[in-house]
Amino acid sequence: MLAGRTGTDNVVIRGARLLDPVEGLDATLDVRIDNGVIAQLGSELDTNEHRVVDASGLILAPAFIDPHVHLRTPGREDEETIASGTAAAAAGGYCAILAIPNTDPVIDDADVLRGLRARAAEEAQVPVGFMAAVTKGQDGEELTEMGALADAGAAGFTDDGRPVATAGVMRRALQYNAITGRMIAVHCEEQSLTRGGHAHAGLVAAELGLGGWPSLGESLMVARDLDLAGETEQPVHLMHLSARESVEHLRRALAAGIRASAEATPHHLCLTDEAVRSLDPNMKMNPPLRSEEDRVALLDAVRDGTIAAIATDHAPHSPEEKDVPFEAAPFGVIGLETSFAALYTQLVEPGVLSLETLLERMSAGPAGIFGLDRPRIAIGAPANLTLIDPNATWRVKPSALRSRSLNSWLLGQRLRGRVKLTIAAGRVVFEL
């Protein structure tokens, strides 16, 4: 499902704190990588013909997987390309990403998909899986040839950017998708309730005179799609949850044995609609930033595993698109390069979320949902690793970002915790 280069690098990482929550590993050891594969864990390992990385005081963890990235290719390469987006991912500690199909043309055809996979094999800094559309043109009416797309290498299916508005079409998609073994990921939005909305329907939007976007506009569709997953006995993945009511629906569904999973974004875990008071277009997301009550519900769900993945929903936009009044700006922000540091700074350091939980939800969690190999620190495993300096502080500057777009909600902020090195599919793909 993933397309990208693999490597045969020979590296010894010396003296890091190895932290792999799923493997139950927390120890200060050396790691020897032979030909892109973890060959030894121990002390004073042989470094003959190996590059040595001094990692004293640093944390070595399984690299991250982002299941929700807009690469804008094909069609808007001015905003992002396979090369620039995966370079940003590598700098953020990611060893793999899944790209969303709302491109131009939409990835709803096997030939388009095969072409992108071929490009990724040449251009991608980290392996990329391409999601294919659920419906042709993402118009919500006619299903794509999901079997043929799966055979061509689709990593999953989604109409993200739009909901599958009609329940009958969504039901048929779940039934048909049983033949592919891939996940359907859904953008839950009842557009008859969200039309004209620019911010969460609450006090902030009312005071600013912005059109309100109610939580019900998400949670109503969450409930529908969970019910359809239960009725068809097929799995469904809920993208970018933002509302307390959505979490409650998911908890009930999981308790009832429905096969469902969900993700939350760094911005929804760290911010509330109070940030919209700045009228900074980089605070305009879909779904919108919500109340503190919603944020707390998301955090609780991440802690207990109800929400099993953290995904950036990296959505590049050109400066010309974002440098407009708030109501005229498109929804979406970038996040690949800053996700770990933002969450470490705002959640781990204050004691809101454990480092172990954060690492698991950014790596093993998304891997398990989408059937990808789990990055792990274990002898014989491909080297998919990220080396983190938990004490490094740095400021988010536009000039330093590797993405072609600059629409980050963190511009100018000082963060703590920085990725120093990323190894993806056995290759060193980033080093600070």
Protein backbone atom coordinates (compact mmCIF):
# COMPACT_ATOMS: atom_id res chain seq x y z
CA MET A 1 0.00 0.00 0.00
CA LEU A 2 2.90 2.39 0.65
CA ALA A 3 5.06 3.77 -2.13
CA GLY A 4 8.51 5.21 -1.54
CA ARG A 5 12.18 4.44 -1.43
CA THR A 6 13.68 1.99 1.03
CA GLY A 7 17.21 2.17 2.36
CA THR A 8 20.16 0.15 3.53
CA ASP A 9 21.81 2.63 5.88
CA ASN A 10 24.28 1.41 8.51
CA VAL A 11 23.99 3.45 11.69
CA VAL A 12 24.71 3.04 15.39
CA ILE A 13 22.62 5.29 17.63
CA ARG A 14 24.51 5.51 20.89
CA GLY A 15 23.21 6.19 24.38
CA ALA A 16 19.59 7.16 23.72
CA ARG A 17 16.67 6.44 25.97
CA LEU A 18 14.77 3.84 23.94
CA LEU A 19 11.04 4.30 24.45
CA ASP A 20 8.61 1.94 22.73
CA PRO A 21 5.40 1.71 24.78
CA VAL A 22 3.91 -1.20 22.83
CA GLU A 23 7.09 -3.29 23.12
CA GLY A 24 7.31 -2.41 26.82
CA LEU A 25 10.77 -0.94 26.23
CA ASP A 26 12.17 1.92 28.31
CA ALA A 27 15.94 1.64 28.64
CA THR A 28 19.13 3.47 27.77
CA LEU A 29 20.84 1.36 25.11
CA ASP A 30 22.66 1.54 21.80
CA VAL A 31 20.87 0.57 18.59
CA ARG A 32 22.76 -0.89 15.65
CA ILE A 33 21.13 -0.72 12.22
CA ASP A 34 22.56 -2.96 9.51
CA ASN A 35 21.35 -2.41 5.95
CA GLY A 36 18.27 -0.57 7.15
CA VAL A 37 17.24 -3.21 9.72
CA ILE A 38 17.61 -3.11 13.51
CA ALA A 39 20.30 -5.72 14.14
CA GLN A 40 21.31 -5.23 17.79
CA LEU A 41 20.23 -3.53 21.01
CA GLY A 42 22.80 -3.31 23.77
CA SER A 43 25.81 -1.51 25.18
CA GLU A 44 29.09 -0.65 23.49
CA LEU A 45 28.01 -2.17 20.19
CA ASP A 46 30.51 -2.65 17.37
CA THR A 47 30.55 0.44 15.14
CA ASN A 48 32.76 -0.95 12.39
CA GLU A 49 31.75 0.60 9.03
CA HIS A 50 28.76 2.25 10.69
CA ARG A 51 28.00 5.90 11.12
CA VAL A 52 27.73 6.75 14.82
CA VAL A 53 25.09 9.14 16.17
CA ASP A 54 25.68 10.37 19.73
CA ALA A 55 22.19 10.38 21.26
CA SER A 56 23.04 10.97 24.91
CA GLY A 57 20.13 12.73 26.61
CA LEU A 58 17.83 12.09 23.64
CA ILE A 59 14.80 9.80 23.21
CA LEU A 60 14.63 7.22 20.43
CA ALA A 61 11.07 6.16 19.66
CA PRO A 62 9.16 4.40 16.88
CA ALA A 63 8.65 6.90 14.10
CA PHE A 64 5.21 8.39 13.54
CA ILE A 65 2.51 7.61 10.98
CA ASP A 66 0.08 10.29 9.83
CA PRO A 67 -3.13 8.86 8.33
CA HIS A 68 -4.52 12.21 7.18
CA VAL A 69 -2.37 14.41 4.92
CA HIS A 70 -3.38 16.61 1.99
CA LEU A 71 -0.48 16.57 -0.49
CA ARG A 72 -2.41 18.66 -3.06
CA THR A 73 -0.86 16.58 -5.86
CA PRO A 74 -2.07 16.46 -8.58
CA GLY A 75 -3.58 19.87 -9.25
CA ARG A 76 -2.22 22.31 -6.65
CA GLU A 77 1.52 21.73 -6.64
CA ASP A 78 1.95 25.42 -5.78
CA GLU A 79 0.60 24.50 -2.31
CA GLU A 80 2.35 21.15 -1.81
CA THR A 81 4.08 18.39 -3.74
CA ILE A 82 4.94 14.81 -2.92
CA ALA A 83 8.54 15.91 -2.39
CA SER A 84 7.79 18.93 -0.18
CA GLY A 85 5.06 17.26 1.84
CA THR A 86 7.13 14.19 2.59
CA ALA A 87 10.15 16.37 3.45
CA ALA A 88 7.93 18.11 6.00
CA ALA A 89 6.81 14.73 7.29
CA ALA A 90 10.40 13.55 7.69
CA ALA A 91 11.25 16.70 9.66
CA GLY A 92 8.29 15.98 11.92
CA GLY A 93 9.44 12.46 12.76
CA TYR A 94 7.11 10.58 10.41
CA CYS A 95 8.12 7.39 8.63
CA ALA A 96 4.89 7.10 6.61
CA ILE A 97 1.85 9.16 5.68
CA LEU A 98 -1.51 8.56 3.99
CA ALA A 99 -2.55 11.12 1.38
CA ILE A 100 -6.14 12.26 0.88
CA PRO A 101 -7.73 12.00 -2.61
CA ASN A 102 -9.43 15.42 -2.90
CA THR A 103 -7.00 16.45 -5.63
CA ASP A 104 -7.48 17.61 -9.23
CA PRO A 105 -8.23 15.16 -10.68
CA VAL A 106 -9.71 13.29 -7.74
CA ILE A 107 -8.03 9.95 -7.06
CA ASP A 108 -11.03 7.92 -8.17
CA ASP A 109 -9.38 6.03 -11.04
CA ALA A 110 -6.86 3.20 -10.91
CA ASP A 111 -4.63 4.78 -13.58
CA VAL A 112 -4.39 8.06 -11.63
CA LEU A 113 -3.53 6.09 -8.51
CA ARG A 114 -0.86 4.03 -10.23
CA GLY A 115 0.69 7.21 -11.64
CA LEU A 116 0.91 8.79 -8.19
CA ARG A 117 2.42 5.66 -6.69
CA ALA A 118 5.07 5.69 -9.40
CA ARG A 119 5.84 9.36 -8.68
CA ALA A 120 6.09 8.66 -4.97
CA ALA A 121 8.58 5.87 -5.60
CA GLU A 122 10.85 8.51 -7.15
CA GLU A 123 10.05 11.68 -5.18
CA ALA A 124 8.86 10.76 -1.68
CA GLN A 125 11.20 11.25 1.26
CA VAL A 126 9.06 8.89 3.35
CA PRO A 127 6.71 6.16 2.11
CA VAL A 128 3.25 7.37 1.08
CA GLY A 129 -0.03 5.52 0.92
CA PHE A 130 -2.66 7.07 -1.31
CA MET A 131 -6.29 6.94 -0.25
CA ALA A 132 -8.83 6.67 -3.05
CA ALA A 133 -12.25 8.30 -3.21
CA VAL A 134 -15.40 6.51 -2.07
CA THR A 135 -17.50 8.13 -4.79
CA LYS A 136 -16.61 9.28 -8.29
CA GLY A 137 -15.48 12.88 -8.24
CA GLN A 138 -16.28 12.85 -4.52
CA ASP A 139 -19.76 13.93 -5.58
CA GLY A 140 -21.47 11.48 -3.22
CA GLU A 141 -23.54 9.73 -5.87
CA GLU A 142 -21.79 6.87 -7.71
CA LEU A 143 -19.34 4.52 -5.98
CA THR A 144 -15.83 4.19 -7.37
CA GLU A 145 -14.49 0.82 -8.52
CA MET A 146 -13.18 0.12 -5.04
CA GLY A 147 -11.98 -3.38 -5.86
CA ALA A 148 -9.91 -2.17 -8.82
CA LEU A 149 -8.53 0.72 -6.77
CA ALA A 150 -7.55 -1.65 -3.97
CA ASP A 151 -5.80 -3.86 -6.52
CA ALA A 152 -3.95 -0.77 -7.78
CA GLY A 153 -2.66 -0.10 -4.28
CA ALA A 154 -5.20 2.16 -2.56
CA ALA A 155 -4.38 2.45 1.15
CA GLY A 156 -8.04 3.06 2.01
CA PHE A 157 -11.05 5.06 0.90
CA THR A 158 -12.38 8.48 1.84
CA ASP A 159 -14.26 11.43 0.41
CA ASP A 160 -12.59 13.70 3.00
CA GLY A 161 -13.22 17.35 2.36
CA ARG A 162 -16.82 16.31 1.83
CA PRO A 163 -19.14 13.91 3.61
CA VAL A 164 -20.87 11.01 1.89
CA ALA A 165 -24.12 12.87 2.31
CA THR A 166 -26.62 10.14 1.46
CA ALA A 167 -27.07 7.29 3.92
CA GLY A 168 -27.93 4.83 1.16
CA VAL A 169 -24.69 5.56 -0.69
CA MET A 170 -22.66 5.24 2.51
CA ARG A 171 -24.35 1.93 3.30
CA ARG A 172 -23.56 0.56 -0.16
CA ALA A 173 -19.95 1.74 0.17
CA LEU A 174 -19.51 -0.17 3.42
CA GLN A 175 -21.08 -3.29 1.92
CA TYR A 176 -19.04 -3.14 -1.27
CA ASN A 177 -15.83 -2.38 0.59
CA ALA A 178 -15.99 -5.76 2.33
CA ILE A 179 -14.13 -7.21 -0.67
CA THR A 180 -11.11 -4.88 -0.37
CA GLY A 181 -9.87 -5.33 3.17
CA ARG A 182 -9.26 -1.56 3.30
CA MET A 183 -10.63 1.01 5.72
CA ILE A 184 -13.27 3.60 4.85
CA ALA A 185 -12.51 6.90 6.59
CA VAL A 186 -15.36 9.38 6.87
CA HIS A 187 -15.62 13.14 7.09
CA CYS A 188 -18.66 13.57 9.33
CA GLU A 189 -20.51 16.74 8.44
CA GLU A 190 -24.22 17.40 7.96
CA GLN A 191 -23.87 20.28 5.55
CA SER A 192 -27.44 21.48 5.93
CA LEU A 193 -26.44 22.44 9.49
CA THR A 194 -22.94 23.75 8.78
CA ARG A 195 -23.60 25.82 5.66
CA GLY A 196 -22.53 29.41 6.25
CA GLY A 197 -20.59 28.47 9.36
CA HIS A 198 -17.09 29.81 9.97
CA ALA A 199 -16.54 29.05 13.66
CA HIS A 200 -18.02 26.89 16.40
CA ALA A 201 -21.59 27.92 17.19
CA GLY A 202 -20.95 29.36 20.63
CA LEU A 203 -20.30 32.57 22.51
CA VAL A 204 -17.14 33.51 20.57
CA ALA A 205 -18.81 33.25 17.17
CA ALA A 206 -21.81 35.20 18.43
CA GLU A 207 -19.66 38.01 19.85
CA LEU A 208 -17.60 38.23 16.64
CA GLY A 209 -20.63 38.05 14.38
CA LEU A 210 -19.40 34.92 12.61
CA GLY A 211 -21.68 32.27 11.17
CA GLY A 212 -21.97 29.40 13.62
CA TRP A 213 -21.06 25.76 12.94
CA PRO A 214 -22.83 23.61 15.56
CA SER A 215 -21.42 20.45 17.10
CA LEU A 216 -24.56 18.69 15.90
CA GLY A 217 -23.33 19.27 12.36
CA GLU A 218 -20.63 16.69 13.14
CA SER A 219 -22.16 14.43 15.75
CA LEU A 220 -25.32 13.71 13.76
CA MET A 221 -23.24 12.20 10.95
CA VAL A 222 -20.99 10.39 13.41
CA ALA A 223 -24.03 8.65 14.83
CA ARG A 224 -25.33 7.80 11.35
CA ASP A 225 -22.06 6.32 10.13
CA LEU A 226 -21.56 4.31 13.32
CA ASP A 227 -25.08 2.92 12.97
CA LEU A 228 -24.35 1.99 9.35
CA ALA A 229 -21.10 0.32 10.37
CA GLY A 230 -23.01 -1.70 12.92
CA GLU A 231 -25.77 -2.67 10.50
CA THR A 232 -23.33 -3.75 7.77
CA GLU A 233 -20.82 -5.26 10.22
CA GLN A 234 -18.06 -3.35 8.44
CA PRO A 235 -15.42 -1.10 10.01
CA VAL A 236 -15.40 2.69 9.76
CA HIS A 237 -12.84 5.31 10.74
CA LEU A 238 -13.97 8.73 11.95
CA MET A 239 -11.72 11.57 10.83
CA HIS A 240 -10.81 14.70 12.83
CA LEU A 241 -13.35 14.40 15.66
CA SER A 242 -13.95 17.70 17.44
CA ALA A 243 -17.13 17.46 19.51
CA ARG A 244 -17.97 15.94 22.89
CA GLU A 245 -21.17 14.44 21.50
CA SER A 246 -19.19 12.66 18.77
CA VAL A 247 -16.97 11.06 21.40
CA GLU A 248 -20.04 9.92 23.32
CA HIS A 249 -21.48 8.28 20.20
CA LEU A 250 -18.17 6.53 19.57
CA ARG A 251 -17.95 5.23 23.14
CA ARG A 252 -21.43 3.72 22.90
CA ALA A 253 -20.65 2.14 19.54
CA LEU A 254 -17.43 0.56 20.78
CA ALA A 255 -19.21 -0.77 23.87
CA ALA A 256 -21.79 -2.34 21.55
CA GLY A 257 -19.08 -4.11 19.57
CA ILE A 258 -19.21 -1.94 16.46
CA ARG A 259 -15.92 -1.93 14.56
CA ALA A 260 -14.95 1.72 14.63
CA SER A 261 -11.91 3.91 15.19
CA ALA A 262 -11.22 7.62 15.31
CA GLU A 263 -8.55 10.29 15.17
CA ALA A 264 -8.08 13.74 16.67
CA THR A 265 -5.81 16.55 15.48
CA PRO A 266 -3.17 18.46 17.44
CA HIS A 267 -5.07 21.72 16.98
CA HIS A 268 -8.30 20.31 18.38
CA LEU A 269 -6.40 18.84 21.33
CA CYS A 270 -4.55 22.06 22.11
CA LEU A 271 -6.87 24.93 21.18
CA THR A 272 -10.43 26.11 21.73
CA ASP A 273 -12.59 28.59 19.85
CA GLU A 274 -11.12 31.31 22.06
CA ALA A 275 -8.22 31.31 19.58
CA VAL A 276 -10.63 32.54 16.90
CA ARG A 277 -10.87 35.91 18.68
CA SER A 278 -7.62 36.83 16.89
CA LEU A 279 -9.46 36.48 13.55
CA ASP A 280 -6.27 34.89 12.27
CA PRO A 281 -7.26 32.81 9.21
CA ASN A 282 -4.79 30.16 10.40
CA MET A 283 -7.24 29.44 13.21
CA LYS A 284 -9.95 28.46 10.71
CA MET A 285 -10.26 24.69 10.44
CA ASN A 286 -12.80 22.09 9.33
CA PRO A 287 -14.25 21.07 11.74
CA PRO A 288 -13.84 24.30 13.70
CA LEU A 289 -12.10 24.73 17.03
CA ARG A 290 -14.67 24.08 19.73
CA SER A 291 -15.23 24.69 23.44
CA GLU A 292 -13.03 23.69 26.37
CA GLU A 293 -15.61 21.03 27.23
CA ASP A 294 -15.14 19.51 23.79
CA ARG A 295 -11.35 19.65 24.08
CA VAL A 296 -11.42 17.89 27.45
CA ALA A 297 -13.65 15.16 26.02
CA LEU A 298 -11.18 14.61 23.17
CA LEU A 299 -8.26 14.43 25.59
CA ASP A 300 -10.06 11.91 27.78
CA ALA A 301 -10.76 9.79 24.69
CA VAL A 302 -7.12 9.93 23.58
CA ARG A 303 -5.96 8.91 27.06
CA ASP A 304 -8.22 5.88 27.34
CA GLY A 305 -7.82 4.77 23.71
CA THR A 306 -11.35 5.55 22.52
CA ILE A 307 -9.56 7.80 20.03
CA ALA A 308 -6.69 5.58 18.89
CA ALA A 309 -4.82 7.94 16.55
CA ILE A 310 -3.57 11.49 16.34
CA ALA A 311 -3.56 12.83 12.77
CA THR A 312 -2.51 16.26 11.57
CA ASP A 313 -5.06 16.84 8.78
CA HIS A 314 -2.14 18.71 7.17
CA ALA A 315 -3.99 21.03 4.75
CA PRO A 316 -1.74 23.43 2.83
CA HIS A 317 -3.10 26.67 1.39
CA SER A 318 -1.28 29.37 -0.54
CA PRO A 319 -0.57 32.72 1.15
CA GLU A 320 -2.93 34.41 -1.32
CA GLU A 321 -5.79 32.17 -0.17
CA LYS A 322 -5.17 32.65 3.55
CA ASP A 323 -4.20 36.34 3.54
CA VAL A 324 -7.82 37.47 3.45
CA PRO A 325 -10.47 38.27 6.08
CA PHE A 326 -11.40 35.33 8.31
CA GLU A 327 -14.79 34.67 6.72
CA ALA A 328 -13.31 34.61 3.20
CA ALA A 329 -10.43 32.27 4.06
CA PRO A 330 -10.49 28.54 3.30
CA PHE A 331 -10.52 26.00 6.10
CA GLY A 332 -7.31 24.16 6.96
CA VAL A 333 -3.84 24.37 8.51
CA ILE A 334 -0.53 22.59 8.09
CA GLY A 335 0.96 20.50 10.89
CA LEU A 336 3.43 17.80 9.87
CA GLU A 337 6.56 19.57 11.10
CA THR A 338 5.13 20.80 14.39
CA SER A 339 2.73 18.10 15.60
CA PHE A 340 4.97 16.32 18.09
CA ALA A 341 6.48 19.50 19.51
CA ALA A 342 3.10 21.20 19.86
CA LEU A 343 1.61 18.24 21.73
CA TYR A 344 4.73 17.75 23.84
CA THR A 345 4.79 21.44 24.79
CA GLN A 346 1.11 21.94 25.47
CA LEU A 347 0.08 18.50 26.79
CA VAL A 348 3.02 16.35 27.91
CA GLU A 349 5.11 18.92 29.74
CA PRO A 350 2.14 20.21 31.80
CA GLY A 351 1.24 16.61 32.72
CA VAL A 352 -2.03 16.49 30.76
CA LEU A 353 -0.95 13.52 28.61
CA SER A 354 1.83 11.01 29.15
CA LEU A 355 4.70 10.83 26.70
CA GLU A 356 4.08 7.10 26.28
CA THR A 357 0.45 7.69 25.29
CA LEU A 358 1.43 10.42 22.83
CA LEU A 359 4.02 8.22 21.14
CA GLU A 360 1.60 5.30 20.83
CA ARG A 361 -1.24 7.39 19.39
CA MET A 362 1.12 8.91 16.79
CA SER A 363 2.63 5.58 15.69
CA ALA A 364 1.15 2.20 16.63
CA GLY A 365 -2.39 3.59 16.80
CA PRO A 366 -2.70 4.75 13.19
CA ALA A 367 -0.70 1.75 11.95
CA GLY A 368 -3.18 -0.64 13.52
CA ILE A 369 -6.22 1.16 12.15
CA PHE A 370 -5.02 1.11 8.54
CA GLY A 371 -3.30 -2.26 8.55
CA LEU A 372 0.25 -0.89 8.22
CA ASP A 373 3.34 -2.44 9.72
CA ARG A 374 3.86 -1.03 13.20
CA PRO A 375 7.08 0.93 13.68
CA ARG A 376 8.92 -0.71 16.57
CA ILE A 377 12.25 -0.93 18.31
CA ALA A 378 13.01 -4.63 18.05
CA ILE A 379 15.72 -6.78 16.54
CA GLY A 380 14.82 -7.72 12.99
CA ALA A 381 12.40 -4.82 12.49
CA PRO A 382 12.88 -2.34 9.64
CA ALA A 383 14.36 0.88 10.97
CA ASN A 384 11.47 3.33 11.34
CA LEU A 385 12.71 5.55 14.14
CA THR A 386 12.66 9.12 15.35
CA LEU A 387 15.26 10.70 17.64
CA ILE A 388 13.85 13.45 19.85
CA ASP A 389 15.53 16.09 22.00
CA PRO A 390 12.98 16.69 24.77
CA ASN A 391 14.84 19.75 26.05
CA ALA A 392 15.37 21.61 22.79
CA THR A 393 13.38 24.81 22.36
CA TRP A 394 12.68 26.36 18.99
CA ARG A 395 10.50 28.98 17.36
CA VAL A 396 8.19 28.17 14.45
CA LYS A 397 9.42 30.41 11.64
CA PRO A 398 7.97 30.50 8.12
CA SER A 399 11.44 30.55 6.60
CA ALA A 400 12.33 27.23 8.24
CA LEU A 401 9.25 25.26 7.18
CA ARG A 402 9.72 22.61 4.50
CA SER A 403 6.11 22.67 3.38
CA ARG A 404 5.36 24.85 0.38
CA SER A 405 2.60 26.50 2.41
CA LEU A 406 2.90 28.52 5.60
CA ASN A 407 -0.59 28.33 7.09
CA SER A 408 0.45 27.04 10.52
CA TRP A 409 -1.51 27.82 13.68
CA LEU A 410 1.84 27.93 15.50
CA LEU A 411 3.69 30.64 13.58
CA GLY A 412 5.91 32.64 15.91
CA GLN A 413 5.37 30.36 18.90
CA ARG A 414 8.22 28.80 20.87
CA LEU A 415 7.95 25.05 21.31
CA ARG A 416 9.82 22.51 23.41
CA GLY A 417 10.85 19.09 22.12
CA ARG A 418 12.33 18.68 18.66
CA VAL A 419 12.91 15.88 16.21
CA LYS A 420 16.65 15.59 15.54
CA LEU A 421 16.73 12.56 13.25
CA THR A 422 14.23 10.44 11.33
CA ILE A 423 14.85 7.03 9.79
CA ALA A 424 12.11 5.78 7.46
CA ALA A 425 12.11 2.38 5.74
CA GLY A 426 15.76 1.95 6.65
CA ARG A 427 16.92 5.35 5.32
CA VAL A 428 18.03 8.44 7.21
CA VAL A 429 15.56 10.91 5.72
CA PHE A 430 16.02 13.86 8.07
CA GLU A 431 18.75 15.16 10.33
CA LEU A 432 18.84 18.49 12.08
